[in-house]
Amino acid sequence: MPLYKSISPNSQTTVKIWKITESFDDLMLSVNLKPESLKRVMGMKSELHQRGFLSVRRLLQEFGYEDADLFYDENGKPHLKDGKQISITHSFNFAAIIISDLVIGIDIEKQRDKIQIIAHKFIDYENDYLDKAASDYVEKLTVIWCVKESLYKLFATPGLSFKQHCLVIPISDGANETVAWIDYEGRKCSYNIEFLEFEGFTCAYAIA
């Protein structure tokens, strides 16, 4: 499928989202993988994960990059050889990449009721303003999870806790942006957050 959505939050940043409708074989034919990436994708047991991995490489091409331009550091954070900042995500049949001159992070999640079961693991400060009886409780939980996952990817520091160190400021009804904080070992950093919802999914990205 062609590119699903392209967003430019500012002049230095671009987000591209891909809806994965292609088969594994079609995606394999459309990308050029370095040997370690080929080994990695062929070792995946789930075709869904394989297609997610390959669609990210297909998205790289939309930015003018190849798989060979991408590498990961010791914390698993992706980098581009030209020094641009990059963050990557995929969930079920959607994948997304954000590339910027600024420090960034991105996450996509499917909105599912079962997020309520694990809410206690990543929600703390946010309990003060969340309404568990609200009809959009699952959607708001999903936004908060996506925001915190984006912060985690952006900060890329072992030991960072979604619950203890990441705070999401209340989100107004109908809004698609907020501010979030990381408060970690004496470091207090705020980040601008934008998010969107589509086809039962939520995507959020953090920009320093």
C-alpha atoms as a PDB file:
ATOM      1  CA  MET A   1       0.000   0.000   0.000  1.00  0.00           C
ATOM      2  CA  PRO A   2       1.188   3.565  -0.575  1.00  0.00           C
ATOM      3  CA  LEU A   3       2.207   5.686   2.397  1.00  0.00           C
ATOM      4  CA  TYR A   4      -0.741   5.969   4.847  1.00  0.00           C
ATOM      5  CA  LYS A   5       0.078   9.359   6.348  1.00  0.00           C
ATOM      6  CA  SER A   6       2.873  11.939   6.413  1.00  0.00           C
ATOM      7  CA  ILE A   7       3.060  14.664   9.076  1.00  0.00           C
ATOM      8  CA  SER A   8       5.476  17.575   9.554  1.00  0.00           C
ATOM      9  CA  PRO A   9       5.222  18.751  13.195  1.00  0.00           C
ATOM     10  CA  ASN A  10       7.881  21.399  12.494  1.00  0.00           C
ATOM     11  CA  SER A  11      10.417  22.319   9.833  1.00  0.00           C
ATOM     12  CA  GLN A  12      13.001  19.896  11.266  1.00  0.00           C
ATOM     13  CA  THR A  13      10.776  16.871  11.825  1.00  0.00           C
ATOM     14  CA  THR A  14       8.795  14.424   9.671  1.00  0.00           C
ATOM     15  CA  VAL A  15       6.575  11.511  10.676  1.00  0.00           C
ATOM     16  CA  LYS A  16       5.571   8.849   8.162  1.00  0.00           C
ATOM     17  CA  ILE A  17       3.050   6.082   8.842  1.00  0.00           C
ATOM     18  CA  TRP A  18       2.661   2.924   6.746  1.00  0.00           C
ATOM     19  CA  LYS A  19      -0.369   0.645   6.689  1.00  0.00           C
ATOM     20  CA  ILE A  20       0.918  -2.886   6.198  1.00  0.00           C
ATOM     21  CA  THR A  21      -1.235  -4.580   3.575  1.00  0.00           C
ATOM     22  CA  GLU A  22       1.568  -6.263   1.601  1.00  0.00           C
ATOM     23  CA  SER A  23       2.498  -9.895   1.958  1.00  0.00           C
ATOM     24  CA  PHE A  24       5.834 -10.918   3.437  1.00  0.00           C
ATOM     25  CA  ASP A  25       7.087 -11.888  -0.043  1.00  0.00           C
ATOM     26  CA  ASP A  26       6.079  -8.566  -1.598  1.00  0.00           C
ATOM     27  CA  LEU A  27       7.797  -6.615   1.183  1.00  0.00           C
ATOM     28  CA  MET A  28      10.943  -8.728   0.859  1.00  0.00           C
ATOM     29  CA  LEU A  29      11.108  -7.941  -2.844  1.00  0.00           C
ATOM     30  CA  SER A  30      10.752  -4.204  -2.192  1.00  0.00           C
ATOM     31  CA  VAL A  31      13.678  -3.754   0.226  1.00  0.00           C
ATOM     32  CA  ASN A  32      17.414  -4.334   0.224  1.00  0.00           C
ATOM     33  CA  LEU A  33      18.572  -5.808   3.547  1.00  0.00           C
ATOM     34  CA  LYS A  34      22.082  -5.986   4.953  1.00  0.00           C
ATOM     35  CA  PRO A  35      23.106  -9.536   6.004  1.00  0.00           C
ATOM     36  CA  GLU A  36      22.442  -9.082   9.738  1.00  0.00           C
ATOM     37  CA  SER A  37      18.961  -7.679   9.049  1.00  0.00           C
ATOM     38  CA  LEU A  38      18.163 -10.582   6.734  1.00  0.00           C
ATOM     39  CA  LYS A  39      19.260 -13.034   9.422  1.00  0.00           C
ATOM     40  CA  ARG A  40      17.153 -11.213  11.999  1.00  0.00           C
ATOM     41  CA  VAL A  41      13.960 -11.136   9.955  1.00  0.00           C
ATOM     42  CA  MET A  42      14.261 -14.755   8.875  1.00  0.00           C
ATOM     43  CA  GLY A  43      14.675 -15.764  12.511  1.00  0.00           C
ATOM     44  CA  MET A  44      11.382 -14.206  13.567  1.00  0.00           C
ATOM     45  CA  LYS A  45       8.668 -16.756  14.350  1.00  0.00           C
ATOM     46  CA  SER A  46       5.734 -14.419  13.653  1.00  0.00           C
ATOM     47  CA  GLU A  47       4.963 -13.283  10.109  1.00  0.00           C
ATOM     48  CA  LEU A  48       3.276 -10.227  11.639  1.00  0.00           C
ATOM     49  CA  HIS A  49       6.596  -9.223  13.200  1.00  0.00           C
ATOM     50  CA  GLN A  50       8.445  -9.975   9.972  1.00  0.00           C
ATOM     51  CA  ARG A  51       6.105  -7.746   7.990  1.00  0.00           C
ATOM     52  CA  GLY A  52       6.436  -5.020  10.620  1.00  0.00           C
ATOM     53  CA  PHE A  53      10.219  -5.182  10.416  1.00  0.00           C
ATOM     54  CA  LEU A  54      10.166  -5.058   6.620  1.00  0.00           C
ATOM     55  CA  SER A  55       7.628  -2.245   6.463  1.00  0.00           C
ATOM     56  CA  VAL A  56       9.963  -0.123   8.600  1.00  0.00           C
ATOM     57  CA  ARG A  57      12.674  -0.685   5.974  1.00  0.00           C
ATOM     58  CA  ARG A  58      10.143   0.237   3.293  1.00  0.00           C
ATOM     59  CA  LEU A  59       9.380   3.437   5.216  1.00  0.00           C
ATOM     60  CA  LEU A  60      13.097   4.237   5.358  1.00  0.00           C
ATOM     61  CA  GLN A  61      13.026   4.348   1.570  1.00  0.00           C
ATOM     62  CA  GLU A  62      10.285   6.978   1.739  1.00  0.00           C
ATOM     63  CA  PHE A  63      12.816   9.155   3.557  1.00  0.00           C
ATOM     64  CA  GLY A  64      15.554   8.371   1.039  1.00  0.00           C
ATOM     65  CA  TYR A  65      17.417   5.881   3.259  1.00  0.00           C
ATOM     66  CA  GLU A  66      18.257   2.192   3.011  1.00  0.00           C
ATOM     67  CA  ASP A  67      18.565  -0.483   5.672  1.00  0.00           C
ATOM     68  CA  ALA A  68      22.350  -0.033   5.518  1.00  0.00           C
ATOM     69  CA  ASP A  69      21.944   3.553   6.787  1.00  0.00           C
ATOM     70  CA  LEU A  70      20.383   2.324  10.051  1.00  0.00           C
ATOM     71  CA  PHE A  71      22.218   0.976  13.090  1.00  0.00           C
ATOM     72  CA  TYR A  72      21.499   0.418  16.788  1.00  0.00           C
ATOM     73  CA  ASP A  73      23.524   1.347  19.883  1.00  0.00           C
ATOM     74  CA  GLU A  74      24.124  -0.762  22.999  1.00  0.00           C
ATOM     75  CA  ASN A  75      20.772   0.353  24.479  1.00  0.00           C
ATOM     76  CA  GLY A  76      18.865  -0.687  21.357  1.00  0.00           C
ATOM     77  CA  LYS A  77      18.263   2.876  20.206  1.00  0.00           C
ATOM     78  CA  PRO A  78      18.267   3.303  16.413  1.00  0.00           C
ATOM     79  CA  HIS A  79      20.541   5.814  14.700  1.00  0.00           C
ATOM     80  CA  LEU A  80      21.167   6.991  11.159  1.00  0.00           C
ATOM     81  CA  LYS A  81      24.673   7.187   9.754  1.00  0.00           C
ATOM     82  CA  ASP A  82      24.173  10.817   8.676  1.00  0.00           C
ATOM     83  CA  GLY A  83      23.525  11.891  12.280  1.00  0.00           C
ATOM     84  CA  LYS A  84      19.806  12.576  11.960  1.00  0.00           C
ATOM     85  CA  GLN A  85      17.650  11.479  14.898  1.00  0.00           C
ATOM     86  CA  ILE A  86      15.277   8.551  14.251  1.00  0.00           C
ATOM     87  CA  SER A  87      12.661   6.613  16.196  1.00  0.00           C
ATOM     88  CA  ILE A  88      10.766   3.554  14.967  1.00  0.00           C
ATOM     89  CA  THR A  89       7.565   1.732  15.917  1.00  0.00           C
ATOM     90  CA  HIS A  90       5.174  -0.886  14.596  1.00  0.00           C
ATOM     91  CA  SER A  91       2.004  -2.483  15.951  1.00  0.00           C
ATOM     92  CA  PHE A  92      -0.058  -5.097  14.128  1.00  0.00           C
ATOM     93  CA  ASN A  93      -0.697  -3.640  10.645  1.00  0.00           C
ATOM     94  CA  PHE A  94       0.813  -0.176  11.136  1.00  0.00           C
ATOM     95  CA  ALA A  95       4.411   1.048  11.231  1.00  0.00           C
ATOM     96  CA  ALA A  96       5.838   4.534  11.691  1.00  0.00           C
ATOM     97  CA  ILE A  97       9.132   6.393  11.631  1.00  0.00           C
ATOM     98  CA  ILE A  98       9.962   9.879  12.876  1.00  0.00           C
ATOM     99  CA  ILE A  99      13.158  11.579  11.675  1.00  0.00           C
ATOM    100  CA  SER A 100      14.374  14.948  12.938  1.00  0.00           C
ATOM    101  CA  ASP A 101      17.303  17.194  13.744  1.00  0.00           C
ATOM    102  CA  LEU A 102      15.843  17.210  17.277  1.00  0.00           C
ATOM    103  CA  VAL A 103      15.727  14.413  19.859  1.00  0.00           C
ATOM    104  CA  ILE A 104      12.513  12.442  19.290  1.00  0.00           C
ATOM    105  CA  GLY A 105      10.573   9.275  20.131  1.00  0.00           C
ATOM    106  CA  ILE A 106       7.476   7.622  18.641  1.00  0.00           C
ATOM    107  CA  ASP A 107       5.074   4.797  19.446  1.00  0.00           C
ATOM    108  CA  ILE A 108       1.972   3.206  17.898  1.00  0.00           C
ATOM    109  CA  GLU A 109      -0.398   0.974  19.873  1.00  0.00           C
ATOM    110  CA  LYS A 110      -3.675  -0.730  19.132  1.00  0.00           C
ATOM    111  CA  GLN A 111      -6.483   0.418  21.438  1.00  0.00           C
ATOM    112  CA  ARG A 112      -7.452  -2.660  23.447  1.00  0.00           C
ATOM    113  CA  ASP A 113      -9.479  -3.123  26.621  1.00  0.00           C
ATOM    114  CA  LYS A 114      -6.769  -5.253  28.198  1.00  0.00           C
ATOM    115  CA  ILE A 115      -4.611  -2.153  28.727  1.00  0.00           C
ATOM    116  CA  GLN A 116      -6.753  -1.591  31.846  1.00  0.00           C
ATOM    117  CA  ILE A 117      -5.250  -4.740  33.381  1.00  0.00           C
ATOM    118  CA  ILE A 118      -1.704  -3.332  33.244  1.00  0.00           C
ATOM    119  CA  ALA A 119      -2.604   0.321  33.925  1.00  0.00           C
ATOM    120  CA  HIS A 120      -1.274   0.086  37.498  1.00  0.00           C
ATOM    121  CA  LYS A 121       2.159  -0.705  36.073  1.00  0.00           C
ATOM    122  CA  PHE A 122       2.557   2.566  34.161  1.00  0.00           C
ATOM    123  CA  ILE A 123       0.072   5.037  35.696  1.00  0.00           C
ATOM    124  CA  ASP A 124       0.785   7.013  38.884  1.00  0.00           C
ATOM    125  CA  TYR A 125       0.478  10.802  38.730  1.00  0.00           C
ATOM    126  CA  GLU A 126      -2.109  10.400  35.951  1.00  0.00           C
ATOM    127  CA  ASN A 127      -4.545   8.709  38.366  1.00  0.00           C
ATOM    128  CA  ASP A 128      -5.273  12.176  39.747  1.00  0.00           C
ATOM    129  CA  TYR A 129      -7.104  13.201  36.590  1.00  0.00           C
ATOM    130  CA  LEU A 130      -8.191   9.974  34.859  1.00  0.00           C
ATOM    131  CA  ASP A 131     -11.817   8.859  35.159  1.00  0.00           C
ATOM    132  CA  LYS A 132     -12.055   5.070  35.079  1.00  0.00           C
ATOM    133  CA  ALA A 133     -15.803   5.266  34.400  1.00  0.00           C
ATOM    134  CA  ALA A 134     -15.404   7.469  31.337  1.00  0.00           C
ATOM    135  CA  SER A 135     -16.325   5.998  27.959  1.00  0.00           C
ATOM    136  CA  ASP A 136     -12.936   7.005  26.555  1.00  0.00           C
ATOM    137  CA  TYR A 137     -10.861   5.575  29.430  1.00  0.00           C
ATOM    138  CA  VAL A 138      -9.171   2.949  27.225  1.00  0.00           C
ATOM    139  CA  GLU A 139      -8.339   5.541  24.584  1.00  0.00           C
ATOM    140  CA  LYS A 140      -6.789   7.871  27.178  1.00  0.00           C
ATOM    141  CA  LEU A 141      -4.803   5.044  28.735  1.00  0.00           C
ATOM    142  CA  THR A 142      -3.501   4.157  25.278  1.00  0.00           C
ATOM    143  CA  VAL A 143      -2.430   7.745  24.652  1.00  0.00           C
ATOM    144  CA  ILE A 144      -0.571   7.830  27.974  1.00  0.00           C
ATOM    145  CA  TRP A 145       1.134   4.507  27.238  1.00  0.00           C
ATOM    146  CA  CYS A 146       2.201   5.743  23.784  1.00  0.00           C
ATOM    147  CA  VAL A 147       3.521   8.991  25.251  1.00  0.00           C
ATOM    148  CA  LYS A 148       5.544   7.166  27.912  1.00  0.00           C
ATOM    149  CA  GLU A 149       6.880   4.662  25.399  1.00  0.00           C
ATOM    150  CA  SER A 150       7.941   7.592  23.189  1.00  0.00           C
ATOM    151  CA  LEU A 151       9.713   9.196  26.150  1.00  0.00           C
ATOM    152  CA  TYR A 152      11.441   5.909  26.953  1.00  0.00           C
ATOM    153  CA  LYS A 153      12.722   5.619  23.379  1.00  0.00           C
ATOM    154  CA  LEU A 154      13.814   9.245  23.343  1.00  0.00           C
ATOM    155  CA  PHE A 155      15.614   9.111  26.707  1.00  0.00           C
ATOM    156  CA  ALA A 156      17.159   5.667  26.037  1.00  0.00           C
ATOM    157  CA  THR A 157      18.424   5.279  29.591  1.00  0.00           C
ATOM    158  CA  PRO A 158      18.369   1.916  31.404  1.00  0.00           C
ATOM    159  CA  GLY A 159      16.360   2.103  34.623  1.00  0.00           C
ATOM    160  CA  LEU A 160      13.839   4.663  33.426  1.00  0.00           C
ATOM    161  CA  SER A 161      10.380   3.730  34.766  1.00  0.00           C
ATOM    162  CA  PHE A 162       7.118   4.580  32.998  1.00  0.00           C
ATOM    163  CA  LYS A 163       5.366   4.815  36.365  1.00  0.00           C
ATOM    164  CA  GLN A 164       7.981   6.537  38.511  1.00  0.00           C
ATOM    165  CA  HIS A 165       9.823   8.815  36.124  1.00  0.00           C
ATOM    166  CA  CYS A 166       7.407   9.756  33.294  1.00  0.00           C
ATOM    167  CA  LEU A 167       4.529  12.187  33.828  1.00  0.00           C
ATOM    168  CA  VAL A 168       1.878  13.106  31.259  1.00  0.00           C
ATOM    169  CA  ILE A 169       0.082  16.419  31.784  1.00  0.00           C
ATOM    170  CA  PRO A 170      -3.751  16.219  31.554  1.00  0.00           C
ATOM    171  CA  ILE A 171      -5.069  16.208  27.997  1.00  0.00           C
ATOM    172  CA  SER A 172      -8.030  18.398  27.153  1.00  0.00           C
ATOM    173  CA  ASP A 173     -10.992  16.788  25.412  1.00  0.00           C
ATOM    174  CA  GLY A 174     -10.570  17.066  21.659  1.00  0.00           C
ATOM    175  CA  ALA A 175      -6.904  18.041  21.931  1.00  0.00           C
ATOM    176  CA  ASN A 176      -4.137  16.262  20.075  1.00  0.00           C
ATOM    177  CA  GLU A 177      -1.174  17.615  21.996  1.00  0.00           C
ATOM    178  CA  THR A 178       0.130  17.875  25.533  1.00  0.00           C
ATOM    179  CA  VAL A 179       3.365  18.162  27.521  1.00  0.00           C
ATOM    180  CA  ALA A 180       5.149  15.327  29.300  1.00  0.00           C
ATOM    181  CA  TRP A 181       8.010  15.249  31.772  1.00  0.00           C
ATOM    182  CA  ILE A 182      10.840  12.928  32.646  1.00  0.00           C
ATOM    183  CA  ASP A 183      12.008  13.293  36.238  1.00  0.00           C
ATOM    184  CA  TYR A 184      14.978  10.947  36.602  1.00  0.00           C
ATOM    185  CA  GLU A 185      17.865  11.068  39.059  1.00  0.00           C
ATOM    186  CA  GLY A 186      17.831  14.846  39.390  1.00  0.00           C
ATOM    187  CA  ARG A 187      17.200  15.492  35.710  1.00  0.00           C
ATOM    188  CA  LYS A 188      13.890  17.178  34.892  1.00  0.00           C
ATOM    189  CA  CYS A 189      13.105  17.462  31.168  1.00  0.00           C
ATOM    190  CA  SER A 190       9.890  18.508  29.442  1.00  0.00           C
ATOM    191  CA  TYR A 191       8.813  17.405  25.975  1.00  0.00           C
ATOM    192  CA  ASN A 192       6.165  18.516  23.527  1.00  0.00           C
ATOM    193  CA  ILE A 193       3.810  15.684  22.650  1.00  0.00           C
ATOM    194  CA  GLU A 194       1.520  15.257  19.660  1.00  0.00           C
ATOM    195  CA  PHE A 195      -0.756  12.300  19.067  1.00  0.00           C
ATOM    196  CA  LEU A 196      -3.409  11.057  16.648  1.00  0.00           C
ATOM    197  CA  GLU A 197      -5.931   8.215  16.482  1.00  0.00           C
ATOM    198  CA  PHE A 198      -6.881   6.207  13.396  1.00  0.00           C
ATOM    199  CA  GLU A 199      -8.551   2.863  12.673  1.00  0.00           C
ATOM    200  CA  GLY A 200      -8.501   1.839  16.342  1.00  0.00           C
ATOM    201  CA  PHE A 201      -4.833   2.765  16.840  1.00  0.00           C
ATOM    202  CA  THR A 202      -3.044   5.579  18.665  1.00  0.00           C
ATOM    203  CA  CYS A 203       0.244   7.134  17.617  1.00  0.00           C
ATOM    204  CA  ALA A 204       2.160   9.574  19.823  1.00  0.00           C
ATOM    205  CA  TYR A 205       5.498  11.258  19.324  1.00  0.00           C
ATOM    206  CA  ALA A 206       7.683  13.275  21.682  1.00  0.00           C
ATOM    207  CA  ILE A 207       9.928  16.124  20.550  1.00  0.00           C
ATOM    208  CA  ALA A 208      12.621  17.695  22.711  1.00  0.00           C
END
